[in-house]
Protein backbone atom coordinates (compact mmCIF):
# COMPACT_ATOMS: atom_id res chain seq x y z
CA MET A 1 -118.52 29.09 35.96
CA PHE A 2 -117.80 30.02 32.36
CA TYR A 3 -117.70 26.47 31.01
CA GLY A 4 -120.34 24.97 28.76
CA PRO A 5 -120.32 21.91 26.55
CA GLU A 6 -117.13 22.94 24.75
CA ILE A 7 -113.78 22.98 26.53
CA TRP A 8 -111.81 24.72 23.77
CA ASP A 9 -113.44 28.09 23.20
CA PRO A 10 -111.00 30.81 22.06
CA VAL A 11 -113.51 33.60 22.74
CA LEU A 12 -113.95 32.34 26.29
CA ILE A 13 -110.19 32.13 26.82
CA VAL A 14 -109.63 35.67 25.49
CA ASN A 15 -112.43 36.95 27.73
CA GLN A 16 -110.92 35.20 30.76
CA ILE A 17 -107.51 36.70 29.99
CA ALA A 18 -109.09 40.15 29.59
CA ILE A 19 -110.89 39.81 32.94
CA MET A 20 -107.71 38.67 34.68
CA GLN A 21 -105.61 41.46 33.15
CA SER A 22 -108.21 44.12 33.93
CA SER A 23 -108.60 42.94 37.51
CA PHE A 24 -104.80 42.83 37.97
CA TYR A 25 -104.43 46.46 36.89
CA LEU A 26 -107.57 47.62 38.71
CA LEU A 27 -106.55 46.04 42.02
CA THR A 28 -102.92 47.13 41.74
CA GLY A 29 -104.06 50.65 40.89
CA LEU A 30 -106.45 50.75 43.83
CA TRP A 31 -103.69 49.60 46.18
CA LEU A 32 -101.39 52.27 44.73
CA VAL A 33 -103.93 55.00 45.49
CA LEU A 34 -104.67 53.64 48.96
CA LEU A 35 -101.03 53.21 49.94
CA GLN A 36 -100.05 56.63 48.64
CA THR A 37 -102.88 58.17 50.62
CA LEU A 38 -101.89 56.31 53.78
CA MET A 39 -98.21 57.25 53.39
CA GLY A 40 -99.08 60.88 52.84
CA SER A 41 -97.42 61.09 49.45
CA ARG A 42 -97.78 64.44 47.72
CA SER A 43 -97.48 62.93 44.24
CA GLU A 44 -100.61 61.83 42.45
CA PRO A 45 -100.96 58.25 41.28
CA ALA A 46 -99.73 57.91 37.72
CA LEU A 47 -99.49 55.25 35.05
CA ASP A 48 -95.74 55.45 35.51
CA GLN A 49 -96.06 53.81 38.94
CA LEU A 50 -97.98 50.91 37.44
CA LEU A 51 -95.91 50.28 34.31
CA SER A 52 -92.43 51.63 34.95
CA ALA A 53 -89.93 49.28 36.59
CA GLU A 54 -87.89 52.27 37.76
CA THR A 55 -90.52 53.11 40.37
CA MET A 56 -89.72 49.83 42.14
CA ASP A 57 -86.00 50.58 42.46
CA PHE A 58 -85.13 50.82 46.15
CA ASP A 59 -82.98 53.87 45.37
CA GLN A 60 -86.14 55.79 44.46
CA PRO A 61 -88.23 57.49 47.14
CA LEU A 62 -91.43 55.60 47.98
CA SER A 63 -90.38 52.57 45.93
CA SER A 64 -92.15 50.39 48.48
CA VAL A 65 -95.55 51.70 47.36
CA PRO A 66 -95.69 50.02 43.93
CA ILE A 67 -94.01 46.89 45.31
CA LEU A 68 -96.60 46.58 48.08
CA ALA A 69 -99.41 47.37 45.63
CA VAL A 70 -98.39 44.47 43.39
CA LEU A 71 -97.99 42.11 46.35
CA LEU A 72 -101.22 43.11 48.09
CA GLY A 73 -103.19 42.79 44.87
CA ALA A 74 -102.09 39.17 44.36
CA PRO A 75 -104.44 37.51 46.90
CA LEU A 76 -107.40 39.44 45.51
CA CYS A 77 -106.40 38.47 41.97
CA ALA A 78 -106.25 34.87 43.18
CA VAL A 79 -109.87 35.12 44.28
CA ILE A 80 -110.83 36.48 40.87
CA CYS A 81 -108.76 33.79 39.16
CA SER A 82 -110.52 31.06 41.12
CA VAL A 83 -113.90 32.44 40.06
CA VAL A 84 -113.07 33.20 36.42
CA VAL A 85 -110.93 30.16 35.60
CA ASP A 86 -112.81 27.64 37.78
CA ARG A 87 -110.24 24.90 37.10
CA ALA A 88 -107.28 24.38 39.43
CA TRP A 89 -105.01 23.07 36.68
CA GLN A 90 -105.44 26.31 34.69
CA CYS A 91 -104.51 28.76 37.46
CA LEU A 92 -100.81 28.65 36.62
CA ASP A 93 -101.58 29.31 32.95
CA PHE A 94 -103.75 32.34 33.59
CA SER A 95 -101.55 33.79 36.33
CA ALA A 96 -98.45 33.42 34.16
CA THR A 97 -100.28 34.95 31.19
CA THR A 98 -101.37 37.91 33.32
CA HIS A 99 -97.82 38.57 34.47
CA PHE A 100 -96.34 37.96 31.01
CA LEU A 101 -98.72 40.53 29.50
CA HIS A 102 -97.75 42.90 32.31
CA LEU A 103 -94.08 42.36 31.36
CA VAL A 104 -94.94 43.16 27.73
CA ALA A 105 -96.87 46.29 28.74
CA CYS A 106 -94.01 47.45 30.99
CA SER A 107 -91.51 46.80 28.20
CA PHE A 108 -93.50 48.89 25.74
CA TYR A 109 -94.09 51.65 28.27
CA GLY A 110 -90.64 52.13 29.78
CA GLY A 111 -88.31 49.55 28.30
CA PHE A 112 -87.50 46.04 29.42
CA PRO A 113 -87.43 45.88 33.26
CA LEU A 114 -83.85 45.58 34.47
CA TYR A 115 -84.42 46.12 38.19
CA TRP A 116 -84.29 43.03 40.36
CA GLU A 117 -86.94 44.55 42.66
CA TRP A 118 -89.44 44.54 39.78
CA TRP A 119 -88.69 40.91 38.96
CA ALA A 120 -88.86 39.82 42.61
CA ALA A 121 -92.15 41.61 43.28
CA ASN A 122 -93.83 40.29 40.14
CA LEU A 123 -92.52 36.75 40.55
CA LEU A 124 -93.70 36.66 44.15
CA SER A 125 -97.05 38.10 43.07
CA MET A 126 -97.45 35.35 40.48
CA ILE A 127 -96.51 32.63 42.98
CA VAL A 128 -99.07 33.95 45.48
CA MET A 129 -101.76 34.11 42.78
CA VAL A 130 -101.09 30.55 41.63
CA LEU A 131 -100.85 28.95 45.06
CA LEU A 132 -103.91 30.64 46.55
CA SER A 133 -106.18 30.18 43.54
CA GLU A 134 -105.16 26.53 43.13
CA TYR A 135 -105.62 25.91 46.85
CA TRP A 136 -109.16 27.35 46.82
CA LEU A 137 -110.14 25.48 43.67
CA VAL A 138 -108.72 22.15 44.86
CA LYS A 139 -110.70 22.56 48.09
CA LYS A 140 -113.80 23.34 46.02
CA GLU A 141 -113.25 20.34 43.74
CA GLN A 142 -112.88 18.03 46.74
CA GLU A 143 -116.24 18.96 48.25
CA PRO A 144 -118.64 16.03 48.33
CA ILE A 145 -121.32 15.88 45.65
CA GLU A 146 -124.83 15.70 47.03
CA MET A 147 -126.52 12.65 45.49
CA ASP A 148 -130.03 13.96 46.24
CA GLU A 149 -129.56 16.86 43.79
CA ILE A 150 -128.52 14.66 40.86
CA GLY A 151 -131.95 13.11 40.34
CA LYS A 152 -133.84 16.42 40.54
CA VAL A 153 -134.70 18.20 37.33
């Protein structure tokens, strides 16, 4: 979708990373709001729930909300990844970059994540993103090419 005559385009790559990161936080945030509303939580959604690893500690009340938000956002991020990246062999790169930047943001916000729940949720989220986006793009790349359309200008 975003590819032209040049394969190496740093501006394109930065834009793709920005789209992936923005969609990751937007979808995770939307799931946070939806899940908190469904669970009848009295607390308002906060940046802390998105960037603090402590909120995913099972000893905390409602720790399942941010964990589920990250996991439920992964398939939707995979759809966005398959549209934005448009190359199956790059899905791992962009998914890993998205989660690495999330790790950096979490580290700056609340310190390096030490809770195994945070690591498990984010690792599983990345695996889901990679597998689904690669699956969809491999299926797309294996579709037959219509020969009638090649000769038309």
